[in-house]
Amino acid sequence: MKNKKLTIRVTEFERRQLEQEANRRGMTQSELIRSLIARFRDPIDPVRDSSLETKPDCQWSLYGWQAMGKRLKLID
């Protein structure tokens, strides 16, 4: 159901890109944007997926940093 309005800001160049790509595909600009959004992964439901949260003692890396408890250390 389409019940939300999304406003985006683009440059004139980006607007022309969007218009030309939509024309090339035989779609409207709105249809093109919706088709691109449709390729995204399904959103995570925070209530349903709450059991998937990372435990504090788990290790994860983010841009070369590793979390161990509440301390961060640089990964070589």
PDB file of N, CA and C in Angstrom:
ATOM      1  N   MET A   1       0.840  -1.165   0.000  1.00  0.00           N
ATOM      2  CA  MET A   1       0.000   0.000   0.000  1.00  0.00           C
ATOM      3  C   MET A   1       0.894   1.241   0.000  1.00  0.00           C
ATOM      4  N   LYS A   2       0.633   2.146  -0.884  1.00  0.00           N
ATOM      5  CA  LYS A   2       1.409   3.382  -0.974  1.00  0.00           C
ATOM      6  C   LYS A   2       0.729   4.438  -0.124  1.00  0.00           C
ATOM      7  N   ASN A   3       1.245   4.631   1.092  1.00  0.00           N
ATOM      8  CA  ASN A   3       0.614   5.608   1.960  1.00  0.00           C
ATOM      9  C   ASN A   3       1.604   6.591   2.565  1.00  0.00           C
ATOM     10  N   LYS A   4       2.842   6.560   2.117  1.00  0.00           N
ATOM     11  CA  LYS A   4       3.857   7.485   2.606  1.00  0.00           C
ATOM     12  C   LYS A   4       4.430   8.273   1.433  1.00  0.00           C
ATOM     13  N   LYS A   5       4.777   9.512   1.699  1.00  0.00           N
ATOM     14  CA  LYS A   5       5.376  10.360   0.672  1.00  0.00           C
ATOM     15  C   LYS A   5       6.841  10.549   1.023  1.00  0.00           C
ATOM     16  N   LEU A   6       7.714  10.393   0.046  1.00  0.00           N
ATOM     17  CA  LEU A   6       9.149  10.542   0.232  1.00  0.00           C
ATOM     18  C   LEU A   6       9.628  11.705  -0.622  1.00  0.00           C
ATOM     19  N   THR A   7      10.328  12.626  -0.004  1.00  0.00           N
ATOM     20  CA  THR A   7      10.891  13.754  -0.727  1.00  0.00           C
ATOM     21  C   THR A   7      12.405  13.595  -0.736  1.00  0.00           C
ATOM     22  N   ILE A   8      12.995  13.650  -1.920  1.00  0.00           N
ATOM     23  CA  ILE A   8      14.450  13.543  -2.021  1.00  0.00           C
ATOM     24  C   ILE A   8      14.983  14.779  -2.740  1.00  0.00           C
ATOM     25  N   ARG A   9      16.214  15.127  -2.406  1.00  0.00           N
ATOM     26  CA  ARG A   9      16.854  16.269  -3.059  1.00  0.00           C
ATOM     27  C   ARG A   9      17.958  15.735  -3.951  1.00  0.00           C
ATOM     28  N   VAL A  10      17.901  16.120  -5.212  1.00  0.00           N
ATOM     29  CA  VAL A  10      18.916  15.706  -6.177  1.00  0.00           C
ATOM     30  C   VAL A  10      19.386  16.924  -6.960  1.00  0.00           C
ATOM     31  N   THR A  11      20.568  16.794  -7.509  1.00  0.00           N
ATOM     32  CA  THR A  11      21.090  17.864  -8.356  1.00  0.00           C
ATOM     33  C   THR A  11      20.401  17.793  -9.717  1.00  0.00           C
ATOM     34  N   GLU A  12      20.563  18.822 -10.507  1.00  0.00           N
ATOM     35  CA  GLU A  12      19.998  18.837 -11.856  1.00  0.00           C
ATOM     36  C   GLU A  12      20.579  17.688 -12.680  1.00  0.00           C
ATOM     37  N   PHE A  13      21.867  17.424 -12.516  1.00  0.00           N
ATOM     38  CA  PHE A  13      22.521  16.311 -13.223  1.00  0.00           C
ATOM     39  C   PHE A  13      21.882  14.976 -12.835  1.00  0.00           C
ATOM     40  N   GLU A  14      21.683  14.744 -11.531  1.00  0.00           N
ATOM     41  CA  GLU A  14      21.080  13.498 -11.064  1.00  0.00           C
ATOM     42  C   GLU A  14      19.630  13.375 -11.539  1.00  0.00           C
ATOM     43  N   ARG A  15      18.905  14.480 -11.571  1.00  0.00           N
ATOM     44  CA  ARG A  15      17.536  14.463 -12.056  1.00  0.00           C
ATOM     45  C   ARG A  15      17.490  14.057 -13.530  1.00  0.00           C
ATOM     46  N   ARG A  16      18.441  14.589 -14.323  1.00  0.00           N
ATOM     47  CA  ARG A  16      18.504  14.209 -15.738  1.00  0.00           C
ATOM     48  C   ARG A  16      18.862  12.727 -15.889  1.00  0.00           C
ATOM     49  N   GLN A  17      19.784  12.243 -15.039  1.00  0.00           N
ATOM     50  CA  GLN A  17      20.131  10.819 -15.075  1.00  0.00           C
ATOM     51  C   GLN A  17      18.896   9.963 -14.799  1.00  0.00           C
ATOM     52  N   LEU A  18      18.155  10.335 -13.769  1.00  0.00           N
ATOM     53  CA  LEU A  18      16.951   9.593 -13.392  1.00  0.00           C
ATOM     54  C   LEU A  18      15.925   9.616 -14.521  1.00  0.00           C
ATOM     55  N   GLU A  19      15.709  10.789 -15.093  1.00  0.00           N
ATOM     56  CA  GLU A  19      14.743  10.929 -16.182  1.00  0.00           C
ATOM     57  C   GLU A  19      15.136  10.078 -17.387  1.00  0.00           C
ATOM     58  N   GLN A  20      16.418  10.136 -17.773  1.00  0.00           N
ATOM     59  CA  GLN A  20      16.867   9.388 -18.945  1.00  0.00           C
ATOM     60  C   GLN A  20      16.827   7.878 -18.709  1.00  0.00           C
ATOM     61  N   GLU A  21      17.203   7.450 -17.504  1.00  0.00           N
ATOM     62  CA  GLU A  21      17.168   6.012 -17.203  1.00  0.00           C
ATOM     63  C   GLU A  21      15.723   5.511 -17.177  1.00  0.00           C
ATOM     64  N   ALA A  22      14.831   6.298 -16.610  1.00  0.00           N
ATOM     65  CA  ALA A  22      13.416   5.912 -16.589  1.00  0.00           C
ATOM     66  C   ALA A  22      12.872   5.810 -18.021  1.00  0.00           C
ATOM     67  N   ASN A  23      13.206   6.773 -18.861  1.00  0.00           N
ATOM     68  CA  ASN A  23      12.769   6.724 -20.266  1.00  0.00           C
ATOM     69  C   ASN A  23      13.347   5.514 -20.975  1.00  0.00           C
ATOM     70  N   ARG A  24      14.617   5.227 -20.728  1.00  0.00           N
ATOM     71  CA  ARG A  24      15.275   4.081 -21.365  1.00  0.00           C
ATOM     72  C   ARG A  24      14.583   2.770 -20.995  1.00  0.00           C
ATOM     73  N   ARG A  25      14.109   2.680 -19.757  1.00  0.00           N
ATOM     74  CA  ARG A  25      13.439   1.464 -19.290  1.00  0.00           C
ATOM     75  C   ARG A  25      11.936   1.480 -19.553  1.00  0.00           C
ATOM     76  N   GLY A  26      11.409   2.587 -20.067  1.00  0.00           N
ATOM     77  CA  GLY A  26       9.980   2.683 -20.333  1.00  0.00           C
ATOM     78  C   GLY A  26       9.149   2.781 -19.055  1.00  0.00           C
ATOM     79  N   MET A  27       9.679   3.487 -18.065  1.00  0.00           N
ATOM     80  CA  MET A  27       9.013   3.626 -16.774  1.00  0.00           C
ATOM     81  C   MET A  27       8.897   5.100 -16.424  1.00  0.00           C
ATOM     82  N   THR A  28       8.086   5.385 -15.416  1.00  0.00           N
ATOM     83  CA  THR A  28       8.104   6.735 -14.862  1.00  0.00           C
ATOM     84  C   THR A  28       9.259   6.820 -13.870  1.00  0.00           C
ATOM     85  N   GLN A  29       9.611   8.023 -13.484  1.00  0.00           N
ATOM     86  CA  GLN A  29      10.689   8.199 -12.516  1.00  0.00           C
ATOM     87  C   GLN A  29      10.318   7.563 -11.175  1.00  0.00           C
ATOM     88  N   SER A  30       9.066   7.686 -10.761  1.00  0.00           N
ATOM     89  CA  SER A  30       8.614   7.070  -9.508  1.00  0.00           C
ATOM     90  C   SER A  30       8.712   5.555  -9.570  1.00  0.00           C
ATOM     91  N   GLU A  31       8.320   4.974 -10.695  1.00  0.00           N
ATOM     92  CA  GLU A  31       8.418   3.515 -10.848  1.00  0.00           C
ATOM     93  C   GLU A  31       9.867   3.056 -10.781  1.00  0.00           C
ATOM     94  N   LEU A  32      10.770   3.823 -11.386  1.00  0.00           N
ATOM     95  CA  LEU A  32      12.185   3.472 -11.351  1.00  0.00           C
ATOM     96  C   LEU A  32      12.720   3.494  -9.919  1.00  0.00           C
ATOM     97  N   ILE A  33      12.389   4.524  -9.171  1.00  0.00           N
ATOM     98  CA  ILE A  33      12.852   4.617  -7.783  1.00  0.00           C
ATOM     99  C   ILE A  33      12.261   3.478  -6.963  1.00  0.00           C
ATOM    100  N   ARG A  34      10.972   3.186  -7.130  1.00  0.00           N
ATOM    101  CA  ARG A  34      10.362   2.071  -6.394  1.00  0.00           C
ATOM    102  C   ARG A  34      11.003   0.741  -6.759  1.00  0.00           C
ATOM    103  N   SER A  35      11.366   0.560  -8.029  1.00  0.00           N
ATOM    104  CA  SER A  35      12.002  -0.705  -8.431  1.00  0.00           C
ATOM    105  C   SER A  35      13.394  -0.838  -7.811  1.00  0.00           C
ATOM    106  N   LEU A  36      14.098   0.289  -7.669  1.00  0.00           N
ATOM    107  CA  LEU A  36      15.410   0.235  -7.021  1.00  0.00           C
ATOM    108  C   LEU A  36      15.262  -0.084  -5.530  1.00  0.00           C
ATOM    109  N   ILE A  37      14.292   0.525  -4.876  1.00  0.00           N
ATOM    110  CA  ILE A  37      14.049   0.257  -3.454  1.00  0.00           C
ATOM    111  C   ILE A  37      13.621  -1.199  -3.249  1.00  0.00           C
ATOM    112  N   ALA A  38      12.887  -1.751  -4.193  1.00  0.00           N
ATOM    113  CA  ALA A  38      12.418  -3.134  -4.080  1.00  0.00           C
ATOM    114  C   ALA A  38      13.581  -4.127  -4.051  1.00  0.00           C
ATOM    115  N   ARG A  39      14.742  -3.728  -4.536  1.00  0.00           N
ATOM    116  CA  ARG A  39      15.917  -4.614  -4.532  1.00  0.00           C
ATOM    117  C   ARG A  39      16.607  -4.664  -3.170  1.00  0.00           C
ATOM    118  N   PHE A  40      16.288  -3.745  -2.286  1.00  0.00           N
ATOM    119  CA  PHE A  40      16.896  -3.730  -0.958  1.00  0.00           C
ATOM    120  C   PHE A  40      16.433  -4.942  -0.164  1.00  0.00           C
ATOM    121  N   ARG A  41      17.208  -5.301   0.850  1.00  0.00           N
ATOM    122  CA  ARG A  41      16.810  -6.387   1.738  1.00  0.00           C
ATOM    123  C   ARG A  41      15.581  -5.984   2.530  1.00  0.00           C
ATOM    124  N   ASP A  42      14.838  -6.990   3.002  1.00  0.00           N
ATOM    125  CA  ASP A  42      13.683  -6.717   3.857  1.00  0.00           C
ATOM    126  C   ASP A  42      14.167  -6.081   5.156  1.00  0.00           C
ATOM    127  N   PRO A  43      13.425  -5.123   5.684  1.00  0.00           N
ATOM    128  CA  PRO A  43      13.838  -4.494   6.940  1.00  0.00           C
ATOM    129  C   PRO A  43      13.736  -5.484   8.096  1.00  0.00           C
ATOM    130  N   ILE A  44      14.584  -5.293   9.084  1.00  0.00           N
ATOM    131  CA  ILE A  44      14.590  -6.156  10.256  1.00  0.00           C
ATOM    132  C   ILE A  44      13.554  -5.648  11.249  1.00  0.00           C
ATOM    133  N   ASP A  45      12.745  -6.545  11.770  1.00  0.00           N
ATOM    134  CA  ASP A  45      11.769  -6.196  12.792  1.00  0.00           C
ATOM    135  C   ASP A  45      12.467  -6.285  14.144  1.00  0.00           C
ATOM    136  N   PRO A  46      12.668  -5.152  14.838  1.00  0.00           N
ATOM    137  CA  PRO A  46      13.443  -5.183  16.081  1.00  0.00           C
ATOM    138  C   PRO A  46      12.809  -6.044  17.170  1.00  0.00           C
ATOM    139  N   VAL A  47      11.506  -6.190  17.174  1.00  0.00           N
ATOM    140  CA  VAL A  47      10.854  -7.012  18.191  1.00  0.00           C
ATOM    141  C   VAL A  47      11.019  -8.489  17.861  1.00  0.00           C
ATOM    142  N   ARG A  48      10.721  -8.852  16.632  1.00  0.00           N
ATOM    143  CA  ARG A  48      10.798 -10.256  16.224  1.00  0.00           C
ATOM    144  C   ARG A  48      12.232 -10.770  16.233  1.00  0.00           C
ATOM    145  N   ASP A  49      13.188  -9.937  15.839  1.00  0.00           N
ATOM    146  CA  ASP A  49      14.574 -10.362  15.721  1.00  0.00           C
ATOM    147  C   ASP A  49      15.426  -9.967  16.921  1.00  0.00           C
ATOM    148  N   SER A  50      14.825  -9.690  18.064  1.00  0.00           N
ATOM    149  CA  SER A  50      15.589  -9.242  19.224  1.00  0.00           C
ATOM    150  C   SER A  50      16.525 -10.322  19.753  1.00  0.00           C
ATOM    151  N   SER A  51      16.250 -11.588  19.481  1.00  0.00           N
ATOM    152  CA  SER A  51      17.127 -12.660  19.954  1.00  0.00           C
ATOM    153  C   SER A  51      18.428 -12.718  19.167  1.00  0.00           C
ATOM    154  N   LEU A  52      18.530 -11.972  18.067  1.00  0.00           N
ATOM    155  CA  LEU A  52      19.731 -11.977  17.241  1.00  0.00           C
ATOM    156  C   LEU A  52      20.759 -10.939  17.672  1.00  0.00           C
ATOM    157  N   GLU A  53      20.458 -10.188  18.739  1.00  0.00           N
ATOM    158  CA  GLU A  53      21.376  -9.138  19.176  1.00  0.00           C
ATOM    159  C   GLU A  53      22.720  -9.736  19.581  1.00  0.00           C
ATOM    160  N   THR A  54      23.779  -8.979  19.339  1.00  0.00           N
ATOM    161  CA  THR A  54      25.123  -9.427  19.678  1.00  0.00           C
ATOM    162  C   THR A  54      25.328  -9.352  21.183  1.00  0.00           C
ATOM    163  N   LYS A  55      25.876 -10.398  21.737  1.00  0.00           N
ATOM    164  CA  LYS A  55      26.176 -10.411  23.164  1.00  0.00           C
ATOM    165  C   LYS A  55      27.425  -9.574  23.410  1.00  0.00           C
ATOM    166  N   PRO A  56      27.566  -8.944  24.598  1.00  0.00           N
ATOM    167  CA  PRO A  56      28.696  -8.049  24.853  1.00  0.00           C
ATOM    168  C   PRO A  56      30.063  -8.709  24.716  1.00  0.00           C
ATOM    169  N   ASP A  57      30.164 -10.028  24.972  1.00  0.00           N
ATOM    170  CA  ASP A  57      31.475 -10.655  24.885  1.00  0.00           C
ATOM    171  C   ASP A  57      31.792 -11.181  23.490  1.00  0.00           C
ATOM    172  N   CYS A  58      30.875 -11.001  22.539  1.00  0.00           N
ATOM    173  CA  CYS A  58      31.129 -11.427  21.169  1.00  0.00           C
ATOM    174  C   CYS A  58      32.093 -10.463  20.492  1.00  0.00           C
ATOM    175  N   GLN A  59      32.822 -10.965  19.523  1.00  0.00           N
ATOM    176  CA  GLN A  59      33.763 -10.128  18.785  1.00  0.00           C
ATOM    177  C   GLN A  59      33.137  -9.771  17.441  1.00  0.00           C
ATOM    178  N   TRP A  60      33.290  -8.542  17.053  1.00  0.00           N
ATOM    179  CA  TRP A  60      32.862  -8.104  15.736  1.00  0.00           C
ATOM    180  C   TRP A  60      33.861  -7.074  15.251  1.00  0.00           C
ATOM    181  N   SER A  61      34.011  -6.970  13.960  1.00  0.00           N
ATOM    182  CA  SER A  61      34.969  -6.010  13.428  1.00  0.00           C
ATOM    183  C   SER A  61      34.231  -4.964  12.619  1.00  0.00           C
ATOM    184  N   LEU A  62      34.733  -3.742  12.683  1.00  0.00           N
ATOM    185  CA  LEU A  62      34.144  -2.629  11.972  1.00  0.00           C
ATOM    186  C   LEU A  62      35.272  -1.701  11.571  1.00  0.00           C
ATOM    187  N   TYR A  63      35.599  -1.660  10.299  1.00  0.00           N
ATOM    188  CA  TYR A  63      36.651  -0.795   9.789  1.00  0.00           C
ATOM    189  C   TYR A  63      37.961  -0.981  10.545  1.00  0.00           C
ATOM    190  N   GLY A  64      38.338  -2.215  10.797  1.00  0.00           N
ATOM    191  CA  GLY A  64      39.621  -2.496  11.417  1.00  0.00           C
ATOM    192  C   GLY A  64      39.616  -2.458  12.929  1.00  0.00           C
ATOM    193  N   TRP A  65      38.483  -2.193  13.562  1.00  0.00           N
ATOM    194  CA  TRP A  65      38.402  -2.186  15.018  1.00  0.00           C
ATOM    195  C   TRP A  65      37.631  -3.412  15.466  1.00  0.00           C
ATOM    196  N   GLN A  66      37.969  -3.919  16.634  1.00  0.00           N
ATOM    197  CA  GLN A  66      37.328  -5.108  17.150  1.00  0.00           C
ATOM    198  C   GLN A  66      36.797  -4.826  18.546  1.00  0.00           C
ATOM    199  N   ALA A  67      35.552  -5.190  18.791  1.00  0.00           N
ATOM    200  CA  ALA A  67      34.949  -4.957  20.108  1.00  0.00           C
ATOM    201  C   ALA A  67      35.089  -6.210  20.954  1.00  0.00           C
ATOM    202  N   MET A  68      35.614  -6.052  22.134  1.00  0.00           N
ATOM    203  CA  MET A  68      35.707  -7.150  23.086  1.00  0.00           C
ATOM    204  C   MET A  68      35.167  -6.609  24.395  1.00  0.00           C
ATOM    205  N   GLY A  69      33.919  -6.961  24.701  1.00  0.00           N
ATOM    206  CA  GLY A  69      33.278  -6.364  25.852  1.00  0.00           C
ATOM    207  C   GLY A  69      33.031  -4.904  25.533  1.00  0.00           C
ATOM    208  N   LYS A  70      33.576  -4.017  26.351  1.00  0.00           N
ATOM    209  CA  LYS A  70      33.394  -2.586  26.105  1.00  0.00           C
ATOM    210  C   LYS A  70      34.685  -1.924  25.651  1.00  0.00           C
ATOM    211  N   ARG A  71      35.745  -2.704  25.432  1.00  0.00           N
ATOM    212  CA  ARG A  71      37.012  -2.153  24.974  1.00  0.00           C
ATOM    213  C   ARG A  71      37.181  -2.371  23.480  1.00  0.00           C
ATOM    214  N   LEU A  72      37.761  -1.411  22.801  1.00  0.00           N
ATOM    215  CA  LEU A  72      38.055  -1.536  21.367  1.00  0.00           C
ATOM    216  C   LEU A  72      39.551  -1.662  21.176  1.00  0.00           C
ATOM    217  N   LYS A  73      39.960  -2.501  20.278  1.00  0.00           N
ATOM    218  CA  LYS A  73      41.375  -2.593  19.951  1.00  0.00           C
ATOM    219  C   LYS A  73      41.519  -2.647  18.447  1.00  0.00           C
ATOM    220  N   LEU A  74      42.625  -2.163  17.951  1.00  0.00           N
ATOM    221  CA  LEU A  74      42.904  -2.124  16.522  1.00  0.00           C
ATOM    222  C   LEU A  74      43.315  -3.514  16.058  1.00  0.00           C
ATOM    223  N   ILE A  75      42.713  -3.975  14.951  1.00  0.00           N
ATOM    224  CA  ILE A  75      43.067  -5.272  14.376  1.00  0.00           C
ATOM    225  C   ILE A  75      44.193  -5.040  13.368  1.00  0.00           C
ATOM    226  N   ASP A  76      45.252  -5.794  13.466  1.00  0.00           N
ATOM    227  CA  ASP A  76      46.385  -5.668  12.520  1.00  0.00           C
ATOM    228  C   ASP A  76      46.070  -6.321  11.225  1.00  0.00           C
TER     229      ASP A  76
END
